[in-house]
Amino acid sequence: MIRWGREEVIQRLREEAQKQGWDEVINVRLETAMIRKSSNASNRKDKGAAMEYLIYGTGIRLSPINIQLSSA
């Protein structure tokens, strides 16, 4: 489940970057956290939990490099 969630948020980041016109995303950070449904330790019947994913990065635009060779 954790692996699937990680792949999902990475794909969503790529899609969102493309929508906004970015060519690539660099310096990507991914954080995960386990969220418990109930913090009541005496309630053992409630074993529900969820994962929280936070992903962010820097969108960049690539431009062609114009190299001019000068004759010396």
N, C-alpha and C. Protein backbone atom coordinates (compact mmCIF):
# COMPACT_ATOMS: atom_id res chain seq x y z
N MET A 1 0.81 -1.19 0.00
CA MET A 1 0.00 0.00 0.00
C MET A 1 0.87 1.27 0.00
N ILE A 2 1.93 1.26 0.76
CA ILE A 2 2.80 2.43 0.82
C ILE A 2 3.46 2.66 -0.54
N ARG A 3 3.89 1.58 -1.17
CA ARG A 3 4.54 1.71 -2.49
C ARG A 3 3.56 2.27 -3.52
N TRP A 4 2.33 1.76 -3.50
CA TRP A 4 1.32 2.24 -4.45
C TRP A 4 1.07 3.74 -4.23
N GLY A 5 0.94 4.16 -2.99
CA GLY A 5 0.72 5.56 -2.68
C GLY A 5 1.86 6.44 -3.14
N ARG A 6 3.07 5.96 -2.96
CA ARG A 6 4.26 6.72 -3.39
C ARG A 6 4.24 6.91 -4.90
N GLU A 7 3.98 5.84 -5.63
CA GLU A 7 3.93 5.93 -7.10
C GLU A 7 2.81 6.85 -7.56
N GLU A 8 1.68 6.81 -6.86
CA GLU A 8 0.53 7.64 -7.21
C GLU A 8 0.84 9.13 -7.05
N VAL A 9 1.45 9.52 -5.93
CA VAL A 9 1.72 10.95 -5.72
C VAL A 9 2.80 11.46 -6.67
N ILE A 10 3.76 10.60 -7.02
CA ILE A 10 4.78 11.00 -8.00
C ILE A 10 4.14 11.24 -9.36
N GLN A 11 3.23 10.34 -9.75
CA GLN A 11 2.53 10.51 -11.03
C GLN A 11 1.68 11.78 -11.02
N ARG A 12 1.00 12.04 -9.93
CA ARG A 12 0.17 13.25 -9.83
C ARG A 12 1.03 14.51 -9.91
N LEU A 13 2.21 14.48 -9.29
CA LEU A 13 3.12 15.63 -9.36
C LEU A 13 3.54 15.88 -10.80
N ARG A 14 3.88 14.82 -11.53
CA ARG A 14 4.27 14.96 -12.94
C ARG A 14 3.13 15.55 -13.77
N GLU A 15 1.92 15.03 -13.56
CA GLU A 15 0.77 15.52 -14.32
C GLU A 15 0.48 16.99 -14.02
N GLU A 16 0.56 17.36 -12.76
CA GLU A 16 0.31 18.76 -12.38
C GLU A 16 1.38 19.68 -12.95
N ALA A 17 2.62 19.22 -12.96
CA ALA A 17 3.70 20.03 -13.54
C ALA A 17 3.47 20.25 -15.03
N GLN A 18 3.04 19.21 -15.74
CA GLN A 18 2.76 19.35 -17.17
C GLN A 18 1.60 20.32 -17.41
N LYS A 19 0.56 20.24 -16.60
CA LYS A 19 -0.59 21.15 -16.73
C LYS A 19 -0.15 22.61 -16.59
N GLN A 20 0.83 22.84 -15.72
CA GLN A 20 1.29 24.20 -15.47
C GLN A 20 2.40 24.63 -16.42
N GLY A 21 2.78 23.76 -17.35
CA GLY A 21 3.76 24.13 -18.36
C GLY A 21 5.21 23.86 -18.03
N TRP A 22 5.48 23.11 -16.98
CA TRP A 22 6.86 22.80 -16.60
C TRP A 22 7.33 21.57 -17.37
N ASP A 23 8.62 21.57 -17.74
CA ASP A 23 9.21 20.44 -18.46
C ASP A 23 9.66 19.33 -17.51
N GLU A 24 10.21 19.70 -16.40
CA GLU A 24 10.73 18.74 -15.42
C GLU A 24 10.47 19.26 -14.02
N VAL A 25 10.56 18.36 -13.06
CA VAL A 25 10.49 18.74 -11.65
C VAL A 25 11.77 18.24 -11.00
N ILE A 26 12.47 19.15 -10.34
CA ILE A 26 13.73 18.79 -9.69
C ILE A 26 13.60 19.00 -8.19
N ASN A 27 14.58 18.49 -7.47
CA ASN A 27 14.64 18.65 -6.01
C ASN A 27 13.34 18.20 -5.35
N VAL A 28 12.86 17.03 -5.75
CA VAL A 28 11.59 16.50 -5.26
C VAL A 28 11.77 15.94 -3.85
N ARG A 29 10.84 16.27 -2.98
CA ARG A 29 10.84 15.76 -1.61
C ARG A 29 9.51 15.05 -1.38
N LEU A 30 9.57 13.91 -0.73
CA LEU A 30 8.38 13.13 -0.44
C LEU A 30 8.40 12.77 1.04
N GLU A 31 7.32 13.11 1.71
CA GLU A 31 7.19 12.79 3.13
C GLU A 31 5.93 11.96 3.32
N THR A 32 6.01 11.01 4.24
CA THR A 32 4.84 10.19 4.55
C THR A 32 4.60 10.22 6.04
N ALA A 33 3.35 10.02 6.40
CA ALA A 33 2.99 9.95 7.82
C ALA A 33 1.82 8.99 7.97
N MET A 34 1.85 8.22 9.04
CA MET A 34 0.74 7.33 9.37
C MET A 34 -0.26 8.11 10.21
N ILE A 35 -1.50 8.05 9.81
CA ILE A 35 -2.55 8.75 10.55
C ILE A 35 -3.46 7.69 11.16
N ARG A 36 -3.55 7.67 12.44
CA ARG A 36 -4.41 6.70 13.13
C ARG A 36 -5.82 7.25 13.23
N LYS A 37 -6.78 6.38 13.05
CA LYS A 37 -8.18 6.77 13.11
C LYS A 37 -8.58 7.13 14.54
N SER A 38 -8.06 6.39 15.49
CA SER A 38 -8.41 6.62 16.88
C SER A 38 -7.15 6.58 17.73
N SER A 39 -6.99 7.53 18.61
CA SER A 39 -5.83 7.54 19.50
C SER A 39 -6.15 6.86 20.83
N ASN A 40 -7.36 6.33 20.96
CA ASN A 40 -7.78 5.67 22.19
C ASN A 40 -7.16 4.28 22.25
N ALA A 41 -6.17 4.09 23.09
CA ALA A 41 -5.45 2.81 23.17
C ALA A 41 -6.32 1.68 23.70
N SER A 42 -7.34 1.99 24.47
CA SER A 42 -8.20 0.95 25.03
C SER A 42 -9.18 0.39 24.00
N ASN A 43 -9.38 1.09 22.90
CA ASN A 43 -10.32 0.64 21.86
C ASN A 43 -9.57 -0.19 20.82
N ARG A 44 -9.37 -1.46 21.09
CA ARG A 44 -8.60 -2.35 20.20
C ARG A 44 -9.38 -2.77 18.98
N LYS A 45 -10.71 -2.60 18.97
CA LYS A 45 -11.52 -2.98 17.81
C LYS A 45 -11.28 -2.04 16.63
N ASP A 46 -10.93 -0.82 16.94
CA ASP A 46 -10.72 0.20 15.91
C ASP A 46 -9.26 0.15 15.46
N LYS A 47 -9.01 -0.55 14.35
CA LYS A 47 -7.65 -0.67 13.85
C LYS A 47 -7.46 0.10 12.55
N GLY A 48 -8.38 0.99 12.24
CA GLY A 48 -8.29 1.75 11.00
C GLY A 48 -7.13 2.74 11.04
N ALA A 49 -6.53 2.91 9.88
CA ALA A 49 -5.42 3.86 9.77
C ALA A 49 -5.37 4.36 8.33
N ALA A 50 -4.65 5.44 8.12
CA ALA A 50 -4.49 6.00 6.78
C ALA A 50 -3.07 6.53 6.65
N MET A 51 -2.64 6.67 5.41
CA MET A 51 -1.33 7.24 5.13
C MET A 51 -1.52 8.63 4.55
N GLU A 52 -0.64 9.53 4.94
CA GLU A 52 -0.64 10.88 4.38
C GLU A 52 0.66 11.05 3.60
N TYR A 53 0.53 11.58 2.38
CA TYR A 53 1.70 11.81 1.53
C TYR A 53 1.80 13.30 1.23
N LEU A 54 3.00 13.82 1.34
CA LEU A 54 3.27 15.21 0.97
C LEU A 54 4.45 15.18 0.01
N ILE A 55 4.22 15.71 -1.20
CA ILE A 55 5.29 15.72 -2.20
C ILE A 55 5.38 17.13 -2.78
N TYR A 56 6.59 17.59 -2.98
CA TYR A 56 6.78 18.91 -3.58
C TYR A 56 8.13 18.94 -4.28
N GLY A 57 8.27 19.86 -5.20
CA GLY A 57 9.50 20.00 -5.95
C GLY A 57 9.51 21.33 -6.68
N THR A 58 10.55 21.56 -7.45
CA THR A 58 10.70 22.79 -8.21
C THR A 58 10.52 22.50 -9.69
N GLY A 59 9.53 23.15 -10.30
CA GLY A 59 9.30 22.98 -11.73
C GLY A 59 10.27 23.83 -12.53
N ILE A 60 10.80 23.25 -13.61
CA ILE A 60 11.73 24.00 -14.47
C ILE A 60 11.31 23.87 -15.92
N ARG A 61 11.70 24.85 -16.70
CA ARG A 61 11.49 24.80 -18.15
C ARG A 61 12.84 24.65 -18.81
N LEU A 62 12.92 23.70 -19.72
CA LEU A 62 14.17 23.48 -20.44
C LEU A 62 14.14 24.29 -21.72
N SER A 63 15.24 24.93 -22.03
CA SER A 63 15.33 25.68 -23.28
C SER A 63 16.54 25.18 -24.05
N PRO A 64 16.46 25.20 -25.37
CA PRO A 64 17.60 24.73 -26.15
C PRO A 64 18.80 25.64 -25.94
N ILE A 65 19.95 25.04 -25.93
CA ILE A 65 21.19 25.80 -25.75
C ILE A 65 21.71 26.20 -27.12
N ASN A 66 21.88 27.48 -27.31
CA ASN A 66 22.44 27.98 -28.56
C ASN A 66 23.94 28.19 -28.38
N ILE A 67 24.70 27.33 -29.00
CA ILE A 67 26.15 27.42 -28.90
C ILE A 67 26.69 28.01 -30.19
N GLN A 68 27.39 29.09 -30.07
CA GLN A 68 28.01 29.71 -31.24
C GLN A 68 29.51 29.50 -31.15
N LEU A 69 30.02 28.82 -32.13
CA LEU A 69 31.47 28.60 -32.18
C LEU A 69 32.10 29.75 -32.94
N SER A 70 33.07 30.36 -32.32
CA SER A 70 33.76 31.47 -32.99
C SER A 70 35.07 30.97 -33.58
N SER A 71 35.38 31.47 -34.74
CA SER A 71 36.64 31.12 -35.39
C SER A 71 37.73 32.02 -34.84
N ALA A 72 38.75 31.42 -34.33
CA ALA A 72 39.83 32.23 -33.75
C ALA A 72 41.03 32.26 -34.65
